[in-house]
């Protein structure tokens, strides 16, 4: 930064006027904090949905297994009476 308030970047760009970096850093920090909070909420919601879906899939799988066992038992009884 030169005396007149102009800034010179490492790449050689020259910008004029006063630039208060503290305000933009505070805004960035607030935005970061808000984004992290939102991410935590979304992750909790994701985990809840995942748990519910796994419960549904587990119950459906158990129902299918019980149905297969019942059908196997029925077929076994049917075949065992046919060959007696």
N, C-alpha and C. Protein backbone atom coordinates (compact mmCIF):
# COMPACT_ATOMS: atom_id res chain seq x y z
N UNK A 1 0.87 -1.16 0.00
CA UNK A 1 0.00 0.00 0.00
C UNK A 1 0.92 1.23 0.00
N UNK A 2 0.55 2.18 -0.82
CA UNK A 2 1.35 3.41 -0.86
C UNK A 2 0.63 4.49 -0.06
N UNK A 3 1.26 5.61 0.14
CA UNK A 3 0.76 6.67 1.01
C UNK A 3 -0.62 7.17 0.58
N UNK A 4 -0.90 7.25 -0.68
CA UNK A 4 -2.17 7.77 -1.17
C UNK A 4 -3.33 6.80 -0.95
N UNK A 5 -3.05 5.60 -0.46
CA UNK A 5 -4.10 4.63 -0.21
C UNK A 5 -4.25 3.62 -1.34
N UNK A 6 -3.44 3.75 -2.37
CA UNK A 6 -3.51 2.78 -3.46
C UNK A 6 -2.83 1.48 -3.03
N UNK A 7 -3.33 0.37 -3.55
CA UNK A 7 -2.75 -0.93 -3.24
C UNK A 7 -2.08 -1.49 -4.48
N UNK A 8 -0.95 -2.12 -4.25
CA UNK A 8 -0.25 -2.81 -5.33
C UNK A 8 -0.17 -4.28 -4.92
N UNK A 9 -0.74 -5.16 -5.74
CA UNK A 9 -0.70 -6.59 -5.42
C UNK A 9 0.62 -7.18 -5.88
N UNK A 10 0.84 -8.43 -5.50
CA UNK A 10 2.07 -9.11 -5.89
C UNK A 10 2.17 -9.26 -7.41
N UNK A 11 1.05 -9.33 -8.05
CA UNK A 11 1.04 -9.51 -9.50
C UNK A 11 1.19 -8.18 -10.25
N UNK A 12 1.23 -7.10 -9.52
CA UNK A 12 1.45 -5.80 -10.15
C UNK A 12 0.19 -4.99 -10.38
N UNK A 13 -0.98 -5.54 -10.01
CA UNK A 13 -2.21 -4.79 -10.22
C UNK A 13 -2.27 -3.64 -9.22
N UNK A 14 -2.74 -2.51 -9.68
CA UNK A 14 -2.82 -1.31 -8.84
C UNK A 14 -4.29 -0.95 -8.67
N UNK A 15 -4.74 -0.91 -7.42
CA UNK A 15 -6.11 -0.51 -7.13
C UNK A 15 -6.08 0.73 -6.29
N UNK A 16 -7.07 1.57 -6.48
CA UNK A 16 -7.05 2.83 -5.77
C UNK A 16 -8.03 2.86 -4.61
N UNK A 17 -7.83 3.81 -3.73
CA UNK A 17 -8.75 4.03 -2.62
C UNK A 17 -8.42 3.19 -1.40
N UNK A 18 -9.18 3.48 -0.37
CA UNK A 18 -8.97 2.80 0.91
C UNK A 18 -9.74 1.49 0.91
N UNK A 19 -9.13 0.44 1.37
CA UNK A 19 -9.77 -0.88 1.44
C UNK A 19 -9.59 -1.42 2.84
N UNK A 20 -10.69 -1.54 3.55
CA UNK A 20 -10.66 -2.04 4.93
C UNK A 20 -10.80 -3.56 4.90
N UNK A 21 -9.72 -4.28 5.13
CA UNK A 21 -9.74 -5.74 5.08
C UNK A 21 -10.39 -6.34 6.32
N UNK A 22 -10.45 -5.60 7.42
CA UNK A 22 -11.05 -6.15 8.65
C UNK A 22 -12.52 -6.48 8.45
N UNK A 23 -13.24 -5.62 7.79
CA UNK A 23 -14.67 -5.84 7.61
C UNK A 23 -14.92 -7.07 6.75
N UNK A 24 -14.20 -7.20 5.67
CA UNK A 24 -14.43 -8.35 4.80
C UNK A 24 -14.00 -9.64 5.50
N UNK A 25 -12.99 -9.61 6.32
CA UNK A 25 -12.58 -10.80 7.07
C UNK A 25 -13.65 -11.19 8.08
N UNK A 26 -14.25 -10.20 8.73
CA UNK A 26 -15.32 -10.49 9.66
C UNK A 26 -16.52 -11.10 8.94
N UNK A 27 -16.85 -10.54 7.78
CA UNK A 27 -17.95 -11.08 7.00
C UNK A 27 -17.66 -12.52 6.57
N UNK A 28 -16.43 -12.77 6.16
CA UNK A 28 -16.05 -14.12 5.77
C UNK A 28 -16.16 -15.08 6.95
N UNK A 29 -15.71 -14.65 8.11
CA UNK A 29 -15.78 -15.51 9.30
C UNK A 29 -17.23 -15.79 9.68
N UNK A 30 -18.09 -14.78 9.60
CA UNK A 30 -19.51 -14.99 9.90
C UNK A 30 -20.12 -15.96 8.90
N UNK A 31 -19.79 -15.79 7.64
CA UNK A 31 -20.30 -16.70 6.61
C UNK A 31 -19.81 -18.12 6.82
N UNK A 32 -18.55 -18.26 7.20
CA UNK A 32 -17.98 -19.58 7.45
C UNK A 32 -18.69 -20.26 8.62
N UNK A 33 -18.90 -19.50 9.69
CA UNK A 33 -19.56 -20.04 10.88
C UNK A 33 -20.98 -20.46 10.55
N UNK A 34 -21.70 -19.64 9.81
CA UNK A 34 -23.07 -19.96 9.42
C UNK A 34 -23.11 -21.19 8.52
N UNK A 35 -22.17 -21.29 7.60
CA UNK A 35 -22.12 -22.44 6.70
C UNK A 35 -21.80 -23.71 7.47
N UNK A 36 -20.89 -23.64 8.44
CA UNK A 36 -20.57 -24.82 9.25
C UNK A 36 -21.78 -25.26 10.08
N UNK A 37 -22.51 -24.30 10.61
CA UNK A 37 -23.71 -24.62 11.39
C UNK A 37 -24.75 -25.28 10.50
N UNK A 38 -24.95 -24.75 9.32
CA UNK A 38 -25.90 -25.33 8.38
C UNK A 38 -25.47 -26.73 7.96
N UNK A 39 -24.18 -26.93 7.76
CA UNK A 39 -23.66 -28.24 7.40
C UNK A 39 -23.94 -29.27 8.50
N UNK A 40 -23.74 -28.88 9.74
CA UNK A 40 -24.02 -29.77 10.86
C UNK A 40 -25.50 -30.16 10.91
N UNK A 41 -26.38 -29.18 10.68
CA UNK A 41 -27.81 -29.48 10.66
C UNK A 41 -28.16 -30.45 9.53
N UNK A 42 -27.60 -30.22 8.36
CA UNK A 42 -27.86 -31.08 7.22
C UNK A 42 -27.32 -32.49 7.46
N UNK A 43 -26.15 -32.60 8.09
CA UNK A 43 -25.58 -33.91 8.38
C UNK A 43 -26.45 -34.68 9.37
N UNK A 44 -26.97 -33.97 10.39
CA UNK A 44 -27.88 -34.63 11.34
C UNK A 44 -29.14 -35.12 10.65
N UNK A 45 -29.70 -34.28 9.78
CA UNK A 45 -30.90 -34.66 9.05
C UNK A 45 -30.62 -35.85 8.14
N UNK A 46 -29.46 -35.85 7.49
CA UNK A 46 -29.06 -36.96 6.63
C UNK A 46 -28.97 -38.26 7.44
N UNK A 47 -28.35 -38.20 8.62
CA UNK A 47 -28.21 -39.40 9.45
C UNK A 47 -29.57 -39.91 9.90
N UNK A 48 -30.50 -39.01 10.23
CA UNK A 48 -31.85 -39.42 10.62
C UNK A 48 -32.57 -40.13 9.47
N UNK A 49 -32.47 -39.55 8.27
CA UNK A 49 -33.10 -40.16 7.10
C UNK A 49 -32.46 -41.51 6.79
N UNK A 50 -31.16 -41.58 6.93
CA UNK A 50 -30.44 -42.82 6.66
C UNK A 50 -30.89 -43.91 7.63
N UNK A 51 -31.03 -43.58 8.91
CA UNK A 51 -31.47 -44.54 9.91
C UNK A 51 -32.89 -45.02 9.62
N UNK A 52 -33.77 -44.09 9.25
CA UNK A 52 -35.15 -44.48 8.93
C UNK A 52 -35.19 -45.41 7.71
N UNK A 53 -34.41 -45.09 6.69
CA UNK A 53 -34.36 -45.91 5.50
C UNK A 53 -33.83 -47.30 5.81
N UNK A 54 -32.80 -47.39 6.62
CA UNK A 54 -32.25 -48.69 7.00
C UNK A 54 -33.27 -49.51 7.79
N UNK A 55 -34.03 -48.86 8.65
CA UNK A 55 -35.09 -49.55 9.37
C UNK A 55 -36.13 -50.12 8.41
N UNK A 56 -36.54 -49.31 7.45
CA UNK A 56 -37.53 -49.75 6.47
C UNK A 56 -37.00 -50.94 5.66
N UNK A 57 -35.74 -50.83 5.22
CA UNK A 57 -35.14 -51.91 4.44
C UNK A 57 -34.99 -53.18 5.27
N UNK A 58 -34.65 -53.03 6.54
CA UNK A 58 -34.48 -54.17 7.44
C UNK A 58 -35.81 -54.89 7.63
N UNK A 59 -36.87 -54.15 7.85
CA UNK A 59 -38.20 -54.75 8.03
C UNK A 59 -38.64 -55.44 6.74
N UNK A 60 -38.41 -54.81 5.61
CA UNK A 60 -38.78 -55.41 4.33
C UNK A 60 -37.99 -56.70 4.08
N UNK A 61 -36.71 -56.68 4.41
CA UNK A 61 -35.88 -57.88 4.23
C UNK A 61 -36.36 -59.01 5.14
N UNK A 62 -36.67 -58.69 6.39
CA UNK A 62 -37.18 -59.71 7.29
C UNK A 62 -38.50 -60.29 6.80
N UNK A 63 -39.37 -59.43 6.27
CA UNK A 63 -40.64 -59.91 5.73
C UNK A 63 -40.41 -60.86 4.56
N UNK A 64 -39.46 -60.53 3.69
CA UNK A 64 -39.14 -61.40 2.56
C UNK A 64 -38.57 -62.74 3.04
N UNK A 65 -37.71 -62.70 4.03
CA UNK A 65 -37.12 -63.94 4.57
C UNK A 65 -38.21 -64.82 5.18
N UNK A 66 -39.09 -64.21 5.96
CA UNK A 66 -40.18 -64.99 6.57
C UNK A 66 -41.10 -65.57 5.50
N UNK A 67 -41.35 -64.83 4.46
CA UNK A 67 -42.18 -65.31 3.37
C UNK A 67 -41.52 -66.50 2.68
N UNK A 68 -40.21 -66.40 2.44
CA UNK A 68 -39.48 -67.52 1.83
C UNK A 68 -39.49 -68.74 2.73
N UNK A 69 -39.29 -68.55 4.01
CA UNK A 69 -39.31 -69.68 4.95
C UNK A 69 -40.68 -70.35 4.97
N UNK A 70 -41.71 -69.54 4.98
CA UNK A 70 -43.07 -70.10 4.97
C UNK A 70 -43.30 -70.90 3.70
N UNK A 71 -42.90 -70.35 2.56
CA UNK A 71 -43.07 -71.05 1.28
C UNK A 71 -42.25 -72.33 1.24
N UNK A 72 -41.04 -72.30 1.77
CA UNK A 72 -40.22 -73.51 1.81
C UNK A 72 -40.87 -74.57 2.68
N UNK A 73 -41.40 -74.15 3.81
CA UNK A 73 -42.05 -75.09 4.71
C UNK A 73 -43.29 -75.68 4.03
N UNK A 74 -44.05 -74.87 3.36
CA UNK A 74 -45.25 -75.33 2.66
C UNK A 74 -44.87 -76.34 1.57
N UNK A 75 -43.84 -76.03 0.79
CA UNK A 75 -43.39 -76.92 -0.28
C UNK A 75 -42.88 -78.23 0.33
N UNK A 76 -42.12 -78.14 1.41
CA UNK A 76 -41.60 -79.33 2.08
C UNK A 76 -42.74 -80.23 2.55
N UNK A 77 -43.74 -79.65 3.18
CA UNK A 77 -44.88 -80.43 3.67
C UNK A 77 -45.65 -81.05 2.50
N UNK A 78 -45.81 -80.28 1.44
CA UNK A 78 -46.53 -80.77 0.27
C UNK A 78 -45.79 -81.97 -0.35
N UNK A 79 -44.47 -81.82 -0.53
CA UNK A 79 -43.69 -82.87 -1.15
C UNK A 79 -43.57 -84.10 -0.23
N UNK A 80 -43.46 -83.88 1.05
CA UNK A 80 -43.30 -85.02 1.95
C UNK A 80 -44.59 -85.85 1.99
N UNK A 81 -45.76 -85.25 1.83
CA UNK A 81 -47.01 -86.00 1.80
C UNK A 81 -47.19 -86.72 0.46
N UNK A 82 -46.62 -86.18 -0.60
CA UNK A 82 -46.77 -86.80 -1.92
C UNK A 82 -45.98 -88.09 -2.03
N UNK A 83 -44.84 -88.13 -1.35
CA UNK A 83 -43.97 -89.29 -1.49
C UNK A 83 -44.07 -90.27 -0.33
N UNK A 84 -45.06 -90.09 0.51
CA UNK A 84 -45.23 -91.03 1.65
C UNK A 84 -45.85 -92.32 1.22
